[in-house]
Amino acid sequence: MENQSTLLSKITNPMIPDGVFELALVQGSGIIINIKNTEFKCTSSIFLCGQGTDTMRLEVLPRIKSVFS
């Protein structure tokens, strides 16, 4: 996901859990993950994301680049 050319945040469509572990590499101002009305902010770093069980929505902040693998 990239949002490098804009000053506004982008909100994704709801993401359905797929039951696998994810590795997230985040550069820039970060992303905000919203699960059941609880927000988690992920700033520049590397994250190991566990197996999801609930639908989530991502807010991609300005000037960021992230990779989920």
C-alpha atoms as a PDB file:
ATOM      1  CA  MET A   1       0.000   0.000   0.000  1.00  0.00           C
ATOM      2  CA  GLU A   2       1.253   3.447  -0.802  1.00  0.00           C
ATOM      3  CA  ASN A   3      -0.022   6.931  -0.107  1.00  0.00           C
ATOM      4  CA  GLN A   4       3.072   8.984  -0.917  1.00  0.00           C
ATOM      5  CA  SER A   5       1.624  11.614  -3.237  1.00  0.00           C
ATOM      6  CA  THR A   6      -1.222  13.020  -1.148  1.00  0.00           C
ATOM      7  CA  LEU A   7      -1.708  14.923   2.099  1.00  0.00           C
ATOM      8  CA  LEU A   8      -4.957  13.093   2.932  1.00  0.00           C
ATOM      9  CA  SER A   9      -5.505   9.733   4.596  1.00  0.00           C
ATOM     10  CA  LYS A  10      -7.100   6.881   2.640  1.00  0.00           C
ATOM     11  CA  ILE A  11      -9.456   4.374   4.240  1.00  0.00           C
ATOM     12  CA  THR A  12      -9.609   0.864   2.776  1.00  0.00           C
ATOM     13  CA  ASN A  13     -12.638  -1.336   2.280  1.00  0.00           C
ATOM     14  CA  PRO A  14     -13.169  -3.808   5.119  1.00  0.00           C
ATOM     15  CA  MET A  15     -10.555  -6.570   5.049  1.00  0.00           C
ATOM     16  CA  ILE A  16     -11.762 -10.077   5.833  1.00  0.00           C
ATOM     17  CA  PRO A  17      -9.409 -12.276   7.906  1.00  0.00           C
ATOM     18  CA  ASP A  18      -7.724 -15.110   6.004  1.00  0.00           C
ATOM     19  CA  GLY A  19      -6.233 -17.068   8.926  1.00  0.00           C
ATOM     20  CA  VAL A  20      -2.540 -16.600   8.074  1.00  0.00           C
ATOM     21  CA  PHE A  21       0.257 -14.713   9.812  1.00  0.00           C
ATOM     22  CA  GLU A  22       1.367 -11.472   8.140  1.00  0.00           C
ATOM     23  CA  LEU A  23       4.618  -9.545   8.305  1.00  0.00           C
ATOM     24  CA  ALA A  24       4.066  -5.783   7.873  1.00  0.00           C
ATOM     25  CA  LEU A  25       6.859  -3.398   6.880  1.00  0.00           C
ATOM     26  CA  VAL A  26       5.784   0.212   7.407  1.00  0.00           C
ATOM     27  CA  GLN A  27       7.721   3.327   6.320  1.00  0.00           C
ATOM     28  CA  GLY A  28       6.582   6.905   6.852  1.00  0.00           C
ATOM     29  CA  SER A  29       3.814   8.300   9.037  1.00  0.00           C
ATOM     30  CA  GLY A  30       2.113   4.907   9.413  1.00  0.00           C
ATOM     31  CA  ILE A  31      -1.233   3.179   9.238  1.00  0.00           C
ATOM     32  CA  ILE A  32      -4.144   2.935  11.657  1.00  0.00           C
ATOM     33  CA  ILE A  33      -5.848  -0.434  12.038  1.00  0.00           C
ATOM     34  CA  ASN A  34      -9.454  -0.400  13.271  1.00  0.00           C
ATOM     35  CA  ILE A  35     -10.891  -3.656  14.639  1.00  0.00           C
ATOM     36  CA  LYS A  36     -14.249  -3.587  16.452  1.00  0.00           C
ATOM     37  CA  ASN A  37     -13.985   0.204  17.064  1.00  0.00           C
ATOM     38  CA  THR A  38     -10.510  -0.165  18.625  1.00  0.00           C
ATOM     39  CA  GLU A  39      -7.663   1.658  16.868  1.00  0.00           C
ATOM     40  CA  PHE A  40      -4.035   0.575  16.705  1.00  0.00           C
ATOM     41  CA  LYS A  41      -1.466   2.933  15.151  1.00  0.00           C
ATOM     42  CA  CYS A  42       1.514   1.336  13.421  1.00  0.00           C
ATOM     43  CA  THR A  43       4.356   3.796  12.769  1.00  0.00           C
ATOM     44  CA  SER A  44       7.609   3.123  10.887  1.00  0.00           C
ATOM     45  CA  SER A  45       8.728  -0.344  11.936  1.00  0.00           C
ATOM     46  CA  ILE A  46       8.353  -4.065  11.267  1.00  0.00           C
ATOM     47  CA  PHE A  47       5.307  -5.843  12.703  1.00  0.00           C
ATOM     48  CA  LEU A  48       4.380  -9.515  13.020  1.00  0.00           C
ATOM     49  CA  CYS A  49       0.600  -9.653  12.721  1.00  0.00           C
ATOM     50  CA  GLY A  50      -1.166 -12.694  14.165  1.00  0.00           C
ATOM     51  CA  GLN A  51      -4.018 -14.643  12.659  1.00  0.00           C
ATOM     52  CA  GLY A  52      -6.990 -12.339  12.328  1.00  0.00           C
ATOM     53  CA  THR A  53     -10.445 -13.434  13.414  1.00  0.00           C
ATOM     54  CA  ASP A  54     -12.390 -10.199  12.828  1.00  0.00           C
ATOM     55  CA  THR A  55     -12.911  -7.876   9.871  1.00  0.00           C
ATOM     56  CA  MET A  56     -10.641  -4.830   9.980  1.00  0.00           C
ATOM     57  CA  ARG A  57     -10.345  -1.479   8.224  1.00  0.00           C
ATOM     58  CA  LEU A  58      -7.050   0.282   7.513  1.00  0.00           C
ATOM     59  CA  GLU A  59      -6.487   4.028   7.398  1.00  0.00           C
ATOM     60  CA  VAL A  60      -3.390   4.700   5.313  1.00  0.00           C
ATOM     61  CA  LEU A  61      -1.846   7.951   6.516  1.00  0.00           C
ATOM     62  CA  PRO A  62      -0.142  10.457   4.177  1.00  0.00           C
ATOM     63  CA  ARG A  63       3.431   9.872   2.982  1.00  0.00           C
ATOM     64  CA  ILE A  64       3.639   6.160   3.742  1.00  0.00           C
ATOM     65  CA  LYS A  65       4.668   2.968   2.093  1.00  0.00           C
ATOM     66  CA  SER A  66       3.818  -0.419   3.591  1.00  0.00           C
ATOM     67  CA  VAL A  67       4.161  -4.018   2.516  1.00  0.00           C
ATOM     68  CA  PHE A  68       2.253  -6.973   3.937  1.00  0.00           C
ATOM     69  CA  SER A  69       3.712 -10.374   3.212  1.00  0.00           C
END
